[in-house]
Amino acid sequence: MWVDEIVEEIHRLREEYAKSFNYDLDAIFADLRRKQEESGREVVSLSRKPGTTARWSGRPNEIGDDA
Protein backbone atom coordinates (compact mmCIF):
# COMPACT_ATOMS: atom_id res chain seq x y z
CA MET A 1 0.00 0.00 0.00
CA TRP A 2 1.24 3.47 -0.91
CA VAL A 3 1.99 5.82 2.03
CA ASP A 4 1.96 9.58 1.64
CA GLU A 5 4.83 10.97 3.71
CA ILE A 6 3.21 14.40 4.06
CA VAL A 7 -0.05 12.94 5.38
CA GLU A 8 1.91 10.73 7.78
CA GLU A 9 3.80 13.77 9.06
CA ILE A 10 0.54 15.67 9.60
CA HIS A 11 -0.87 12.71 11.55
CA ARG A 12 2.28 12.54 13.66
CA LEU A 13 2.22 16.27 14.42
CA ARG A 14 -1.49 16.18 15.25
CA GLU A 15 -0.90 13.28 17.63
CA GLU A 16 2.00 15.10 19.35
CA TYR A 17 -0.10 18.26 19.71
CA ALA A 18 -3.06 16.37 21.22
CA LYS A 19 -0.76 14.41 23.52
CA SER A 20 0.82 17.66 24.80
CA PHE A 21 -2.64 18.57 26.15
CA ASN A 22 -3.32 15.05 27.45
CA TYR A 23 -5.98 14.72 24.72
CA ASP A 24 -8.14 17.32 26.56
CA LEU A 25 -10.33 18.89 23.85
CA ASP A 26 -11.21 21.89 26.03
CA ALA A 27 -7.51 22.64 26.55
CA ILE A 28 -6.76 22.16 22.84
CA PHE A 29 -9.63 24.48 21.89
CA ALA A 30 -8.45 27.11 24.41
CA ASP A 31 -4.92 26.95 22.96
CA LEU A 32 -6.17 27.29 19.38
CA ARG A 33 -8.41 30.21 20.38
CA ARG A 34 -5.45 31.91 22.12
CA LYS A 35 -3.27 31.43 19.03
CA GLN A 36 -6.05 32.85 16.86
CA GLU A 37 -6.32 35.97 19.04
CA GLU A 38 -2.55 36.44 19.15
CA SER A 39 -2.28 36.18 15.37
CA GLY A 40 -3.92 39.58 14.91
CA ARG A 41 -5.74 38.31 11.82
CA GLU A 42 -9.35 39.22 11.20
CA VAL A 43 -11.72 36.33 11.81
CA VAL A 44 -14.82 36.23 9.63
CA SER A 45 -17.92 34.07 9.71
CA LEU A 46 -19.04 32.61 6.40
CA SER A 47 -22.34 31.28 7.73
CA ARG A 48 -25.55 32.34 5.98
CA LYS A 49 -27.72 34.86 7.73
CA PRO A 50 -31.48 34.28 7.66
CA GLY A 51 -33.46 36.57 5.41
CA THR A 52 -30.73 37.26 2.91
CA THR A 53 -31.60 37.33 -0.76
CA ALA A 54 -30.46 34.80 -3.33
CA ARG A 55 -27.22 35.73 -5.00
CA TRP A 56 -28.52 36.60 -8.46
CA SER A 57 -32.31 36.51 -8.42
CA GLY A 58 -33.02 39.00 -5.66
CA ARG A 59 -35.65 36.58 -4.29
CA PRO A 60 -35.55 35.74 -0.57
CA ASN A 61 -33.87 32.42 0.19
CA GLU A 62 -36.17 29.80 1.63
CA ILE A 63 -34.98 26.89 3.72
CA GLY A 64 -34.72 23.85 1.48
CA ASP A 65 -34.18 25.82 -1.76
CA ASP A 66 -31.71 24.16 -4.06
CA ALA A 67 -29.01 26.29 -5.59
PDB file of N, CA and C in Angstrom:
ATOM      1  N   MET A   1       0.830  -1.177   0.000  1.00  0.00           N
ATOM      2  CA  MET A   1       0.000   0.000   0.000  1.00  0.00           C
ATOM      3  C   MET A   1       0.879   1.246   0.000  1.00  0.00           C
ATOM      4  N   TRP A   2       0.498   2.234  -0.801  1.00  0.00           N
ATOM      5  CA  TRP A   2       1.241   3.474  -0.911  1.00  0.00           C
ATOM      6  C   TRP A   2       1.020   4.346   0.319  1.00  0.00           C
ATOM      7  N   VAL A   3       2.077   4.959   0.848  1.00  0.00           N
ATOM      8  CA  VAL A   3       1.991   5.816   2.030  1.00  0.00           C
ATOM      9  C   VAL A   3       2.456   7.207   1.645  1.00  0.00           C
ATOM     10  N   ASP A   4       1.614   8.194   1.920  1.00  0.00           N
ATOM     11  CA  ASP A   4       1.961   9.584   1.641  1.00  0.00           C
ATOM     12  C   ASP A   4       2.729  10.135   2.835  1.00  0.00           C
ATOM     13  N   GLU A   5       3.975  10.497   2.624  1.00  0.00           N
ATOM     14  CA  GLU A   5       4.832  10.970   3.713  1.00  0.00           C
ATOM     15  C   GLU A   5       4.308  12.261   4.337  1.00  0.00           C
ATOM     16  N   ILE A   6       3.724  13.126   3.540  1.00  0.00           N
ATOM     17  CA  ILE A   6       3.209  14.399   4.059  1.00  0.00           C
ATOM     18  C   ILE A   6       2.013  14.144   4.973  1.00  0.00           C
ATOM     19  N   VAL A   7       1.115  13.274   4.554  1.00  0.00           N
ATOM     20  CA  VAL A   7      -0.048  12.943   5.385  1.00  0.00           C
ATOM     21  C   VAL A   7       0.411  12.274   6.673  1.00  0.00           C
ATOM     22  N   GLU A   8       1.376  11.388   6.579  1.00  0.00           N
ATOM     23  CA  GLU A   8       1.911  10.726   7.777  1.00  0.00           C
ATOM     24  C   GLU A   8       2.518  11.753   8.740  1.00  0.00           C
ATOM     25  N   GLU A   9       3.210  12.737   8.203  1.00  0.00           N
ATOM     26  CA  GLU A   9       3.800  13.770   9.061  1.00  0.00           C
ATOM     27  C   GLU A   9       2.706  14.592   9.746  1.00  0.00           C
ATOM     28  N   ILE A  10       1.650  14.927   9.017  1.00  0.00           N
ATOM     29  CA  ILE A  10       0.538  15.669   9.603  1.00  0.00           C
ATOM     30  C   ILE A  10      -0.095  14.858  10.725  1.00  0.00           C
ATOM     31  N   HIS A  11      -0.300  13.576  10.511  1.00  0.00           N
ATOM     32  CA  HIS A  11      -0.873  12.714  11.550  1.00  0.00           C
ATOM     33  C   HIS A  11       0.030  12.670  12.774  1.00  0.00           C
ATOM     34  N   ARG A  12       1.329  12.585  12.549  1.00  0.00           N
ATOM     35  CA  ARG A  12       2.279  12.543  13.662  1.00  0.00           C
ATOM     36  C   ARG A  12       2.246  13.839  14.454  1.00  0.00           C
ATOM     37  N   LEU A  13       2.251  14.980  13.743  1.00  0.00           N
ATOM     38  CA  LEU A  13       2.222  16.274  14.419  1.00  0.00           C
ATOM     39  C   LEU A  13       0.916  16.484  15.181  1.00  0.00           C
ATOM     40  N   ARG A  14      -0.191  16.060  14.579  1.00  0.00           N
ATOM     41  CA  ARG A  14      -1.488  16.180  15.247  1.00  0.00           C
ATOM     42  C   ARG A  14      -1.502  15.342  16.523  1.00  0.00           C
ATOM     43  N   GLU A  15      -0.962  14.150  16.461  1.00  0.00           N
ATOM     44  CA  GLU A  15      -0.898  13.282  17.630  1.00  0.00           C
ATOM     45  C   GLU A  15      -0.038  13.904  18.733  1.00  0.00           C
ATOM     46  N   GLU A  16       1.125  14.448  18.366  1.00  0.00           N
ATOM     47  CA  GLU A  16       1.997  15.097  19.351  1.00  0.00           C
ATOM     48  C   GLU A  16       1.306  16.294  19.998  1.00  0.00           C
ATOM     49  N   TYR A  17       0.604  17.085  19.194  1.00  0.00           N
ATOM     50  CA  TYR A  17      -0.104  18.262  19.711  1.00  0.00           C
ATOM     51  C   TYR A  17      -1.184  17.837  20.698  1.00  0.00           C
ATOM     52  N   ALA A  18      -1.997  16.846  20.332  1.00  0.00           N
ATOM     53  CA  ALA A  18      -3.058  16.370  21.222  1.00  0.00           C
ATOM     54  C   ALA A  18      -2.465  15.772  22.500  1.00  0.00           C
ATOM     55  N   LYS A  19      -1.396  15.027  22.360  1.00  0.00           N
ATOM     56  CA  LYS A  19      -0.757  14.412  23.518  1.00  0.00           C
ATOM     57  C   LYS A  19      -0.212  15.472  24.472  1.00  0.00           C
ATOM     58  N   SER A  20       0.267  16.600  23.941  1.00  0.00           N
ATOM     59  CA  SER A  20       0.818  17.657  24.797  1.00  0.00           C
ATOM     60  C   SER A  20      -0.246  18.281  25.690  1.00  0.00           C
ATOM     61  N   PHE A  21      -1.526  18.078  25.337  1.00  0.00           N
ATOM     62  CA  PHE A  21      -2.640  18.567  26.152  1.00  0.00           C
ATOM     63  C   PHE A  21      -3.378  17.410  26.814  1.00  0.00           C
ATOM     64  N   ASN A  22      -2.727  16.241  26.860  1.00  0.00           N
ATOM     65  CA  ASN A  22      -3.316  15.050  27.451  1.00  0.00           C
ATOM     66  C   ASN A  22      -4.668  14.725  26.819  1.00  0.00           C
ATOM     67  N   TYR A  23      -4.784  15.003  25.527  1.00  0.00           N
ATOM     68  CA  TYR A  23      -5.983  14.721  24.723  1.00  0.00           C
ATOM     69  C   TYR A  23      -7.239  15.437  25.264  1.00  0.00           C
ATOM     70  N   ASP A  24      -7.028  16.541  25.989  1.00  0.00           N
ATOM     71  CA  ASP A  24      -8.142  17.320  26.556  1.00  0.00           C
ATOM     72  C   ASP A  24      -8.634  18.308  25.497  1.00  0.00           C
ATOM     73  N   LEU A  25      -9.821  18.049  24.929  1.00  0.00           N
ATOM     74  CA  LEU A  25     -10.335  18.885  23.848  1.00  0.00           C
ATOM     75  C   LEU A  25     -10.579  20.322  24.292  1.00  0.00           C
ATOM     76  N   ASP A  26     -11.008  20.521  25.541  1.00  0.00           N
ATOM     77  CA  ASP A  26     -11.211  21.891  26.031  1.00  0.00           C
ATOM     78  C   ASP A  26      -9.892  22.657  26.065  1.00  0.00           C
ATOM     79  N   ALA A  27      -8.831  21.997  26.495  1.00  0.00           N
ATOM     80  CA  ALA A  27      -7.512  22.641  26.546  1.00  0.00           C
ATOM     81  C   ALA A  27      -6.983  22.911  25.136  1.00  0.00           C
ATOM     82  N   ILE A  28      -7.195  21.978  24.226  1.00  0.00           N
ATOM     83  CA  ILE A  28      -6.764  22.162  22.838  1.00  0.00           C
ATOM     84  C   ILE A  28      -7.511  23.337  22.226  1.00  0.00           C
ATOM     85  N   PHE A  29      -8.825  23.388  22.432  1.00  0.00           N
ATOM     86  CA  PHE A  29      -9.634  24.476  21.893  1.00  0.00           C
ATOM     87  C   PHE A  29      -9.176  25.816  22.468  1.00  0.00           C
ATOM     88  N   ALA A  30      -8.914  25.871  23.780  1.00  0.00           N
ATOM     89  CA  ALA A  30      -8.451  27.110  24.408  1.00  0.00           C
ATOM     90  C   ALA A  30      -7.122  27.558  23.811  1.00  0.00           C
ATOM     91  N   ASP A  31      -6.216  26.609  23.559  1.00  0.00           N
ATOM     92  CA  ASP A  31      -4.921  26.946  22.960  1.00  0.00           C
ATOM     93  C   ASP A  31      -5.089  27.477  21.539  1.00  0.00           C
ATOM     94  N   LEU A  32      -5.948  26.823  20.754  1.00  0.00           N
ATOM     95  CA  LEU A  32      -6.175  27.286  19.383  1.00  0.00           C
ATOM     96  C   LEU A  32      -6.826  28.674  19.376  1.00  0.00           C
ATOM     97  N   ARG A  33      -7.761  28.901  20.280  1.00  0.00           N
ATOM     98  CA  ARG A  33      -8.407  30.214  20.379  1.00  0.00           C
ATOM     99  C   ARG A  33      -7.381  31.285  20.756  1.00  0.00           C
ATOM    100  N   ARG A  34      -6.488  30.962  21.711  1.00  0.00           N
ATOM    101  CA  ARG A  34      -5.448  31.906  22.117  1.00  0.00           C
ATOM    102  C   ARG A  34      -4.530  32.232  20.940  1.00  0.00           C
ATOM    103  N   LYS A  35      -4.130  31.209  20.193  1.00  0.00           N
ATOM    104  CA  LYS A  35      -3.265  31.432  19.028  1.00  0.00           C
ATOM    105  C   LYS A  35      -3.971  32.290  17.984  1.00  0.00           C
ATOM    106  N   GLN A  36      -5.267  32.061  17.818  1.00  0.00           N
ATOM    107  CA  GLN A  36      -6.052  32.851  16.863  1.00  0.00           C
ATOM    108  C   GLN A  36      -6.064  34.321  17.265  1.00  0.00           C
ATOM    109  N   GLU A  37      -6.286  34.586  18.555  1.00  0.00           N
ATOM    110  CA  GLU A  37      -6.321  35.966  19.040  1.00  0.00           C
ATOM    111  C   GLU A  37      -4.958  36.635  18.921  1.00  0.00           C
ATOM    112  N   GLU A  38      -3.900  35.889  19.218  1.00  0.00           N
ATOM    113  CA  GLU A  38      -2.547  36.442  19.147  1.00  0.00           C
ATOM    114  C   GLU A  38      -2.090  36.690  17.715  1.00  0.00           C
ATOM    115  N   SER A  39      -2.717  36.043  16.763  1.00  0.00           N
ATOM    116  CA  SER A  39      -2.276  36.177  15.372  1.00  0.00           C
ATOM    117  C   SER A  39      -2.553  37.580  14.832  1.00  0.00           C
ATOM    118  N   GLY A  40      -3.575  38.244  15.379  1.00  0.00           N
ATOM    119  CA  GLY A  40      -3.923  39.576  14.905  1.00  0.00           C
ATOM    120  C   GLY A  40      -4.684  39.573  13.592  1.00  0.00           C
ATOM    121  N   ARG A  41      -4.999  38.403  13.072  1.00  0.00           N
ATOM    122  CA  ARG A  41      -5.740  38.310  11.816  1.00  0.00           C
ATOM    123  C   ARG A  41      -7.232  38.492  12.072  1.00  0.00           C
ATOM    124  N   GLU A  42      -7.913  39.052  11.093  1.00  0.00           N
ATOM    125  CA  GLU A  42      -9.353  39.223  11.197  1.00  0.00           C
ATOM    126  C   GLU A  42     -10.028  37.868  11.020  1.00  0.00           C
ATOM    127  N   VAL A  43     -10.973  37.575  11.887  1.00  0.00           N
ATOM    128  CA  VAL A  43     -11.720  36.329  11.812  1.00  0.00           C
ATOM    129  C   VAL A  43     -13.106  36.663  11.276  1.00  0.00           C
ATOM    130  N   VAL A  44     -13.517  35.973  10.241  1.00  0.00           N
ATOM    131  CA  VAL A  44     -14.822  36.231   9.630  1.00  0.00           C
ATOM    132  C   VAL A  44     -15.674  34.978   9.712  1.00  0.00           C
ATOM    133  N   SER A  45     -16.983  35.176   9.724  1.00  0.00           N
ATOM    134  CA  SER A  45     -17.919  34.067   9.713  1.00  0.00           C
ATOM    135  C   SER A  45     -18.512  33.973   8.314  1.00  0.00           C
ATOM    136  N   LEU A  46     -18.511  32.800   7.742  1.00  0.00           N
ATOM    137  CA  LEU A  46     -19.042  32.608   6.404  1.00  0.00           C
ATOM    138  C   LEU A  46     -20.420  31.959   6.443  1.00  0.00           C
ATOM    139  N   SER A  47     -21.030  31.901   7.629  1.00  0.00           N
ATOM    140  CA  SER A  47     -22.344  31.281   7.728  1.00  0.00           C
ATOM    141  C   SER A  47     -23.401  32.198   7.117  1.00  0.00           C
ATOM    142  N   ARG A  48     -24.464  31.581   6.593  1.00  0.00           N
ATOM    143  CA  ARG A  48     -25.550  32.341   5.976  1.00  0.00           C
ATOM    144  C   ARG A  48     -26.395  32.977   7.060  1.00  0.00           C
ATOM    145  N   LYS A  49     -26.838  34.173   6.811  1.00  0.00           N
ATOM    146  CA  LYS A  49     -27.717  34.861   7.729  1.00  0.00           C
ATOM    147  C   LYS A  49     -29.145  34.716   7.224  1.00  0.00           C
ATOM    148  N   PRO A  50     -30.098  34.432   8.115  1.00  0.00           N
ATOM    149  CA  PRO A  50     -31.475  34.278   7.657  1.00  0.00           C
ATOM    150  C   PRO A  50     -32.012  35.566   7.053  1.00  0.00           C
ATOM    151  N   GLY A  51     -32.845  35.413   6.030  1.00  0.00           N
ATOM    152  CA  GLY A  51     -33.463  36.574   5.413  1.00  0.00           C
ATOM    153  C   GLY A  51     -32.642  37.236   4.331  1.00  0.00           C
ATOM    154  N   THR A  52     -31.511  36.665   3.987  1.00  0.00           N
ATOM    155  CA  THR A  52     -30.725  37.257   2.907  1.00  0.00           C
ATOM    156  C   THR A  52     -31.350  36.885   1.574  1.00  0.00           C
ATOM    157  N   THR A  53     -31.046  37.627   0.553  1.00  0.00           N
ATOM    158  CA  THR A  53     -31.597  37.325  -0.764  1.00  0.00           C
ATOM    159  C   THR A  53     -30.675  36.392  -1.516  1.00  0.00           C
ATOM    160  N   ALA A  54     -31.250  35.704  -2.492  1.00  0.00           N
ATOM    161  CA  ALA A  54     -30.461  34.804  -3.326  1.00  0.00           C
ATOM    162  C   ALA A  54     -29.424  35.628  -4.081  1.00  0.00           C
ATOM    163  N   ARG A  55     -28.354  35.015  -4.416  1.00  0.00           N
ATOM    164  CA  ARG A  55     -27.224  35.733  -4.997  1.00  0.00           C
ATOM    165  C   ARG A  55     -27.577  36.508  -6.256  1.00  0.00           C
ATOM    166  N   TRP A  56     -28.286  35.908  -7.192  1.00  0.00           N
ATOM    167  CA  TRP A  56     -28.523  36.597  -8.459  1.00  0.00           C
ATOM    168  C   TRP A  56     -29.982  37.002  -8.658  1.00  0.00           C
ATOM    169  N   SER A  57     -30.913  36.268  -8.097  1.00  0.00           N
ATOM    170  CA  SER A  57     -32.314  36.508  -8.420  1.00  0.00           C
ATOM    171  C   SER A  57     -32.937  37.667  -7.651  1.00  0.00           C
ATOM    172  N   GLY A  58     -32.409  37.972  -6.492  1.00  0.00           N
ATOM    173  CA  GLY A  58     -33.020  38.998  -5.663  1.00  0.00           C
ATOM    174  C   GLY A  58     -34.193  38.471  -4.856  1.00  0.00           C
ATOM    175  N   ARG A  59     -34.563  37.182  -5.052  1.00  0.00           N
ATOM    176  CA  ARG A  59     -35.649  36.580  -4.290  1.00  0.00           C
ATOM    177  C   ARG A  59     -35.129  36.171  -2.915  1.00  0.00           C
ATOM    178  N   PRO A  60     -35.986  36.220  -1.893  1.00  0.00           N
ATOM    179  CA  PRO A  60     -35.550  35.739  -0.570  1.00  0.00           C
ATOM    180  C   PRO A  60     -35.239  34.256  -0.607  1.00  0.00           C
ATOM    181  N   ASN A  61     -34.194  33.845   0.080  1.00  0.00           N
ATOM    182  CA  ASN A  61     -33.867  32.417   0.193  1.00  0.00           C
ATOM    183  C   ASN A  61     -34.852  31.762   1.118  1.00  0.00           C
ATOM    184  N   GLU A  62     -35.297  30.584   0.776  1.00  0.00           N
ATOM    185  CA  GLU A  62     -36.169  29.801   1.629  1.00  0.00           C
ATOM    186  C   GLU A  62     -35.412  28.553   2.045  1.00  0.00           C
ATOM    187  N   ILE A  63     -35.643  28.114   3.257  1.00  0.00           N
ATOM    188  CA  ILE A  63     -34.979  26.894   3.721  1.00  0.00           C
ATOM    189  C   ILE A  63     -35.405  25.756   2.814  1.00  0.00           C
ATOM    190  N   GLY A  64     -34.442  24.979   2.351  1.00  0.00           N
ATOM    191  CA  GLY A  64     -34.719  23.855   1.482  1.00  0.00           C
ATOM    192  C   GLY A  64     -34.595  24.190   0.001  1.00  0.00           C
ATOM    193  N   ASP A  65     -34.383  25.484  -0.350  1.00  0.00           N
ATOM    194  CA  ASP A  65     -34.178  25.825  -1.757  1.00  0.00           C
ATOM    195  C   ASP A  65     -32.883  25.221  -2.250  1.00  0.00           C
ATOM    196  N   ASP A  66     -32.935  24.683  -3.439  1.00  0.00           N
ATOM    197  CA  ASP A  66     -31.714  24.164  -4.063  1.00  0.00           C
ATOM    198  C   ASP A  66     -31.065  25.279  -4.852  1.00  0.00           C
ATOM    199  N   ALA A  67     -29.743  25.254  -4.878  1.00  0.00           N
ATOM    200  CA  ALA A  67     -29.010  26.294  -5.586  1.00  0.00           C
ATOM    201  C   ALA A  67     -29.061  26.070  -7.073  1.00  0.00           C
TER     202      ALA A  67
END
